[in-house]
């Protein structure tokens, strides 16, 4: 009898420990209550609203035919539904458009992490000859000719109004507000056990377990904001252009709204999420001159794959729609 009681106690202890561990794991994916804004560019609603106008305004491009939202389309998870975006010269760019959701905590931007702030990030595409093909001087001149913009800048920046630095500050402020919307996964994390399916719950266990997905896709935004090699058949050396010791490393994208963001990877080479899982399951393409950060997932079953897909679908926001703002015309 004593042995039976001891075994029962041990079993209960193991079950309680497992439940506590799983609870702690789920807590690690809770979204933060606040957005981090830098002291050098603090938040104001006027600044964010102005930044949204600028983001959707084609007058920031040289030919006045492209806006930031042309490539970073909110209907597609702030990406472009094509393997490569089309730039100012009407030609495909080198890489797939990365999402700009949930970047307030990041310290590196673009696929190769070549800049270290959102302020620097917003200038890059505007002034790149193959992207928006403009200059900040040209943007300032155009906006100064529009009375509505002059007035909005005076409201958002009462000290100095419309300047190049304030254009950049407004755009960066708006980008920091781009938090992915509440999703079924968030309801489940908050304790609603009916919010996602049994298959999706198993998928979360696969994601954090045998699938090893959470080794890179961590925290509430599902990214470590780091750089990894994942065995793609691409000659693009990624961060290796900046650091020779990081050849073929690319920044880990977040997974919020991932079901909206096909195709996938820095080169847009994988068409569906099932293709992405198949890639990781195989361990990627072997290369004699590089070491992948992933390995074949021999323990991943077909049911695991289906459960993973069900889980990833729960990261889609209930209402991902973003309305375009009214822009000043004179």
Protein backbone atom coordinates (compact mmCIF):
# COMPACT_ATOMS: atom_id res chain seq x y z
CA UNK A 1 0.00 0.00 0.00
CA UNK A 2 2.84 2.33 0.90
CA UNK A 3 4.45 1.65 -2.51
CA UNK A 4 1.20 2.42 -4.32
CA UNK A 5 0.87 5.73 -2.46
CA UNK A 6 4.47 6.59 -3.24
CA UNK A 7 4.01 5.85 -6.94
CA UNK A 8 0.79 7.87 -7.03
CA UNK A 9 2.52 10.79 -5.37
CA UNK A 10 5.39 10.65 -7.84
CA UNK A 11 3.00 10.46 -10.81
CA UNK A 12 1.02 13.45 -9.56
CA UNK A 13 4.26 15.37 -9.01
CA UNK A 14 5.42 14.64 -12.56
CA UNK A 15 2.07 15.70 -14.00
CA UNK A 16 2.03 18.91 -11.96
CA UNK A 17 5.60 19.69 -12.99
CA UNK A 18 4.76 19.08 -16.65
CA UNK A 19 1.68 21.31 -16.38
CA UNK A 20 3.71 24.05 -14.68
CA UNK A 21 6.44 23.82 -17.32
CA UNK A 22 3.90 24.02 -20.15
CA UNK A 23 2.25 27.00 -18.44
CA UNK A 24 5.63 28.76 -18.18
CA UNK A 25 6.26 28.00 -21.83
CA UNK A 26 2.96 29.61 -22.85
CA UNK A 27 3.68 32.64 -20.66
CA UNK A 28 6.86 33.18 -22.69
CA UNK A 29 4.68 33.96 -25.73
CA UNK A 30 2.48 36.61 -24.06
CA UNK A 31 2.49 39.91 -25.91
CA UNK A 32 3.90 42.94 -24.04
CA UNK A 33 1.52 45.61 -22.82
CA UNK A 34 3.60 48.50 -24.14
CA UNK A 35 5.63 49.41 -27.22
CA UNK A 36 9.20 50.53 -26.65
CA UNK A 37 9.85 53.98 -28.13
CA UNK A 38 13.35 55.48 -27.95
CA UNK A 39 14.00 58.61 -25.92
CA UNK A 40 15.38 60.24 -29.05
CA UNK A 41 12.05 59.74 -30.85
CA UNK A 42 9.24 59.47 -28.29
CA UNK A 43 5.69 58.59 -29.27
CA UNK A 44 2.92 61.06 -29.91
CA UNK A 45 -0.39 60.28 -31.66
CA UNK A 46 0.08 63.27 -33.97
CA UNK A 47 3.50 62.01 -35.03
CA UNK A 48 2.21 58.47 -35.64
CA UNK A 49 -0.77 59.72 -37.67
CA UNK A 50 1.53 61.85 -39.79
CA UNK A 51 3.86 58.90 -40.28
CA UNK A 52 0.96 56.81 -41.54
CA UNK A 53 0.14 59.46 -44.15
CA UNK A 54 3.74 59.48 -45.32
CA UNK A 55 3.87 55.68 -45.43
CA UNK A 56 0.94 55.54 -47.87
CA UNK A 57 1.94 58.56 -49.97
CA UNK A 58 3.44 57.90 -53.43
CA UNK A 59 4.89 61.42 -53.47
CA UNK A 60 7.82 60.07 -51.45
CA UNK A 61 9.05 58.20 -54.55
CA UNK A 62 10.96 59.75 -57.42
CA UNK A 63 8.31 59.04 -60.07
CA UNK A 64 5.47 59.50 -57.53
CA UNK A 65 4.19 56.01 -58.34
CA UNK A 66 5.37 54.00 -55.31
CA UNK A 67 4.74 54.33 -51.61
CA UNK A 68 6.17 52.37 -48.68
CA UNK A 69 2.86 50.47 -48.65
CA UNK A 70 3.35 49.38 -52.27
CA UNK A 71 5.83 46.76 -51.13
CA UNK A 72 4.81 46.54 -47.47
CA UNK A 73 1.14 45.84 -48.11
CA UNK A 74 -0.90 45.47 -44.90
CA UNK A 75 -3.28 43.03 -46.61
CA UNK A 76 -0.40 40.59 -47.01
CA UNK A 77 1.17 40.84 -43.57
CA UNK A 78 3.08 43.98 -44.62
CA UNK A 79 4.87 42.14 -47.40
CA UNK A 80 4.44 41.69 -51.16
CA UNK A 81 2.68 38.53 -52.46
CA UNK A 82 5.50 37.85 -54.94
CA UNK A 83 8.92 36.26 -54.66
CA UNK A 84 10.50 39.66 -55.34
CA UNK A 85 9.08 43.15 -55.07
CA UNK A 86 9.12 45.32 -58.18
CA UNK A 87 11.07 48.53 -57.78
CA UNK A 88 11.28 51.94 -59.41
CA UNK A 89 12.93 50.61 -62.56
CA UNK A 90 10.06 48.13 -63.05
CA UNK A 91 12.34 45.22 -62.32
CA UNK A 92 12.38 42.59 -59.61
CA UNK A 93 14.55 43.41 -56.62
CA UNK A 94 17.13 41.01 -55.20
CA UNK A 95 15.15 39.79 -52.19
CA UNK A 96 11.64 39.11 -51.02
CA UNK A 97 10.01 41.99 -49.14
CA UNK A 98 10.40 41.41 -45.37
CA UNK A 99 7.51 42.12 -43.04
CA UNK A 100 7.70 45.32 -40.98
CA UNK A 101 5.38 44.14 -38.22
CA UNK A 102 6.58 44.02 -34.62
CA UNK A 103 9.98 45.63 -35.15
CA UNK A 104 9.99 48.04 -32.20
CA UNK A 105 12.24 45.73 -30.15
CA UNK A 106 14.60 44.84 -32.97
CA UNK A 107 18.17 46.12 -33.16
CA UNK A 108 18.81 45.15 -36.80
CA UNK A 109 16.77 45.80 -39.94
CA UNK A 110 16.54 44.38 -43.47
CA UNK A 111 17.26 40.72 -44.18
CA UNK A 112 20.97 41.26 -43.59
CA UNK A 113 20.60 43.62 -40.62
CA UNK A 114 22.63 46.33 -42.30
CA UNK A 115 21.16 49.21 -40.29
CA UNK A 116 20.58 49.51 -36.57
CA UNK A 117 17.49 51.70 -36.21
CA UNK A 118 14.09 52.20 -37.77
CA UNK A 119 15.07 55.78 -38.48
CA UNK A 120 17.88 54.56 -40.76
CA UNK A 121 15.66 51.83 -42.16
CA UNK A 122 12.99 54.20 -43.49
CA UNK A 123 15.53 56.30 -45.40
CA UNK A 124 17.04 53.32 -47.24
CA UNK A 125 14.17 52.40 -49.59
CA UNK A 126 13.21 56.03 -50.28
CA UNK A 127 16.68 56.91 -51.52
CA UNK A 128 17.62 53.58 -53.14
CA UNK A 129 17.76 54.02 -56.95
CA UNK A 130 16.15 50.61 -57.58
CA UNK A 131 13.43 51.00 -54.96
CA UNK A 132 11.71 54.37 -54.58
CA UNK A 133 14.47 56.28 -56.38
CA UNK A 134 14.05 59.58 -54.60
CA UNK A 135 16.11 61.76 -52.26
CA UNK A 136 15.26 63.25 -48.91
CA UNK A 137 15.84 66.71 -50.36
CA UNK A 138 13.28 66.01 -53.07
CA UNK A 139 10.80 64.64 -50.54
CA UNK A 140 11.14 67.73 -48.34
CA UNK A 141 10.64 70.02 -51.32
CA UNK A 142 7.49 68.20 -52.43
CA UNK A 143 5.93 68.13 -48.99
CA UNK A 144 6.72 71.79 -48.38
CA UNK A 145 4.60 72.62 -51.43
CA UNK A 146 1.53 71.04 -49.77
CA UNK A 147 -0.15 73.27 -47.20
CA UNK A 148 -1.81 70.34 -45.47
CA UNK A 149 1.53 68.68 -44.78
CA UNK A 150 3.05 71.95 -43.55
CA UNK A 151 0.18 72.27 -41.09
CA UNK A 152 0.39 68.63 -39.89
CA UNK A 153 4.14 68.91 -39.33
CA UNK A 154 3.64 72.10 -37.31
CA UNK A 155 1.18 70.21 -35.10
CA UNK A 156 3.37 67.10 -34.67
CA UNK A 157 6.65 69.03 -34.42
CA UNK A 158 5.81 72.51 -33.08
CA UNK A 159 9.45 73.49 -32.62
CA UNK A 160 10.71 73.12 -36.19
CA UNK A 161 7.88 71.78 -38.38
CA UNK A 162 8.64 70.11 -41.70
CA UNK A 163 12.26 68.95 -41.87
CA UNK A 164 14.06 65.88 -43.17
CA UNK A 165 14.68 64.62 -39.63
CA UNK A 166 11.02 65.02 -38.73
CA UNK A 167 9.88 63.14 -41.83
CA UNK A 168 12.10 60.27 -40.74
CA UNK A 169 10.94 60.52 -37.11
CA UNK A 170 7.26 60.40 -38.10
CA UNK A 171 7.73 57.39 -40.37
CA UNK A 172 9.74 55.49 -37.74
CA UNK A 173 7.14 56.27 -35.08
CA UNK A 174 4.38 54.87 -37.27
CA UNK A 175 6.39 51.72 -38.00
CA UNK A 176 6.85 51.11 -34.26
CA UNK A 177 3.06 51.10 -33.86
CA UNK A 178 2.65 48.25 -36.36
CA UNK A 179 1.79 45.55 -33.87
CA UNK A 180 0.07 42.50 -35.32
CA UNK A 181 -3.54 42.32 -34.15
CA UNK A 182 -5.02 40.03 -31.53
CA UNK A 183 -5.32 36.44 -32.73
CA UNK A 184 -6.85 33.14 -31.57
CA UNK A 185 -3.41 32.20 -30.24
CA UNK A 186 -3.48 35.24 -27.93
CA UNK A 187 -6.87 34.20 -26.59
CA UNK A 188 -5.48 30.75 -25.89
CA UNK A 189 -2.41 32.17 -24.15
CA UNK A 190 -4.78 34.25 -22.00
CA UNK A 191 -6.55 31.08 -20.88
CA UNK A 192 -9.38 30.45 -23.37
CA UNK A 193 -8.92 26.75 -24.08
CA UNK A 194 -11.62 26.83 -26.76
CA UNK A 195 -9.88 29.53 -28.81
CA UNK A 196 -7.82 27.11 -30.88
CA UNK A 197 -8.31 23.53 -32.03
CA UNK A 198 -6.86 20.41 -30.45
CA UNK A 199 -4.70 20.01 -33.55
CA UNK A 200 -3.34 23.55 -33.11
CA UNK A 201 -2.53 22.85 -29.45
CA UNK A 202 -0.58 19.78 -30.52
CA UNK A 203 1.08 21.98 -33.14
CA UNK A 204 2.30 24.36 -30.43
CA UNK A 205 3.86 21.39 -28.65
CA UNK A 206 5.55 20.38 -31.91
CA UNK A 207 6.66 24.00 -32.47
CA UNK A 208 8.30 24.18 -29.05
CA UNK A 209 9.40 20.55 -29.01
CA UNK A 210 10.36 18.07 -31.70
CA UNK A 211 10.05 20.68 -34.47
CA UNK A 212 12.68 22.89 -32.77
CA UNK A 213 10.99 25.96 -34.31
CA UNK A 214 11.11 27.99 -31.10
CA UNK A 215 14.91 27.82 -30.96
CA UNK A 216 14.82 30.80 -33.37
CA UNK A 217 11.15 31.85 -33.43
CA UNK A 218 10.89 33.00 -29.84
CA UNK A 219 8.78 35.24 -27.65
CA UNK A 220 5.48 36.91 -28.52
CA UNK A 221 6.55 38.00 -32.05
CA UNK A 222 8.08 34.58 -32.74
CA UNK A 223 11.58 35.80 -33.58
CA UNK A 224 14.91 36.05 -31.82
CA UNK A 225 15.78 38.97 -34.14
CA UNK A 226 18.99 37.05 -34.84
CA UNK A 227 20.70 35.68 -37.94
CA UNK A 228 20.86 32.06 -39.09
CA UNK A 229 21.74 29.86 -42.04
CA UNK A 230 18.87 27.58 -43.00
CA UNK A 231 20.11 25.70 -46.04
CA UNK A 232 18.44 27.54 -48.91
CA UNK A 233 19.71 26.98 -52.45
CA UNK A 234 20.76 30.60 -52.82
CA UNK A 235 24.08 32.28 -53.62
CA UNK A 236 23.04 35.40 -51.68
CA UNK A 237 25.54 35.63 -48.82
CA UNK A 238 23.21 37.76 -46.69
CA UNK A 239 24.89 39.20 -43.61
CA UNK A 240 28.15 37.89 -44.98
CA UNK A 241 28.32 41.07 -47.06
CA UNK A 242 28.84 42.92 -43.77
CA UNK A 243 30.58 40.26 -41.69
CA UNK A 244 32.69 37.58 -43.45
CA UNK A 245 32.08 35.21 -40.54
CA UNK A 246 28.30 35.31 -41.10
CA UNK A 247 28.13 34.11 -44.68
CA UNK A 248 24.57 33.11 -45.76
CA UNK A 249 23.05 34.27 -42.48
CA UNK A 250 19.66 35.99 -42.70
CA UNK A 251 17.49 37.62 -40.07
CA UNK A 252 14.80 35.48 -38.47
CA UNK A 253 11.38 36.85 -39.48
CA UNK A 254 8.55 36.93 -36.98
CA UNK A 255 5.64 34.57 -37.56
CA UNK A 256 2.64 36.71 -36.68
CA UNK A 257 0.20 36.72 -39.63
CA UNK A 258 2.53 34.28 -41.37
CA UNK A 259 -0.36 32.63 -43.25
CA UNK A 260 -0.91 35.95 -45.09
CA UNK A 261 2.70 36.34 -46.16
CA UNK A 262 3.37 33.83 -48.95
CA UNK A 263 5.78 33.26 -50.60
CA UNK A 264 8.44 32.71 -47.96
CA UNK A 265 12.15 33.10 -47.20
CA UNK A 266 14.51 35.94 -48.17
CA UNK A 267 14.38 34.83 -51.80
CA UNK A 268 10.66 34.02 -51.93
CA UNK A 269 11.57 30.51 -53.05
CA UNK A 270 9.01 28.56 -50.97
CA UNK A 271 5.41 28.95 -52.06
CA UNK A 272 3.42 27.61 -49.10
CA UNK A 273 3.80 27.05 -45.39
CA UNK A 274 3.75 23.32 -46.07
CA UNK A 275 6.77 23.86 -48.34
CA UNK A 276 8.51 25.73 -45.52
CA UNK A 277 7.94 22.89 -43.06
CA UNK A 278 9.11 20.36 -45.67
CA UNK A 279 12.30 22.40 -46.08
CA UNK A 280 13.05 22.32 -42.35
CA UNK A 281 12.02 18.69 -42.13
CA UNK A 282 14.65 17.78 -44.72
CA UNK A 283 17.36 19.87 -43.09
CA UNK A 284 17.75 22.14 -46.09
CA UNK A 285 20.11 21.95 -49.02
CA UNK A 286 23.63 20.78 -48.10
CA UNK A 287 26.49 23.02 -49.19
CA UNK A 288 30.17 22.09 -49.04
CA UNK A 289 31.19 25.63 -48.08
CA UNK A 290 28.68 26.40 -45.35
CA UNK A 291 27.26 24.94 -42.16
CA UNK A 292 23.48 25.08 -41.70
CA UNK A 293 21.97 26.06 -38.37
CA UNK A 294 19.30 23.41 -38.91
CA UNK A 295 19.36 19.63 -39.17
CA UNK A 296 16.88 17.07 -40.56
CA UNK A 297 13.82 16.60 -38.34
CA UNK A 298 13.71 12.83 -38.49
CA UNK A 299 11.16 12.65 -35.67
CA UNK A 300 8.61 14.89 -37.41
CA UNK A 301 5.59 12.86 -38.56
CA UNK A 302 2.97 13.75 -41.16
CA UNK A 303 0.53 14.38 -38.32
CA UNK A 304 3.08 16.71 -36.71
CA UNK A 305 3.23 18.67 -39.98
CA UNK A 306 -0.56 19.04 -40.13
CA UNK A 307 -0.66 20.10 -36.49
CA UNK A 308 2.09 22.67 -37.07
CA UNK A 309 0.10 24.16 -39.94
CA UNK A 310 -3.00 24.35 -37.74
CA UNK A 311 -0.98 26.13 -35.07
CA UNK A 312 0.55 28.65 -37.49
CA UNK A 313 -2.93 29.57 -38.71
CA UNK A 314 -3.83 30.66 -35.16
CA UNK A 315 -1.26 33.47 -35.43
CA UNK A 316 -3.43 35.31 -37.98
CA UNK A 317 -5.11 38.33 -36.43
CA UNK A 318 -8.90 38.39 -36.20
CA UNK A 319 -8.96 41.66 -38.15
CA UNK A 320 -5.66 42.27 -39.99
CA UNK A 321 -7.22 44.99 -42.16
CA UNK A 322 -5.58 48.42 -42.09
CA UNK A 323 -7.35 51.34 -43.72
CA UNK A 324 -5.41 53.78 -45.86
CA UNK A 325 -5.35 57.36 -44.56
CA UNK A 326 -6.68 60.47 -46.27
CA UNK A 327 -3.75 62.41 -47.72
CA UNK A 328 -3.45 66.18 -48.05
CA UNK A 329 -3.77 67.32 -51.66
CA UNK A 330 -2.72 70.98 -51.46
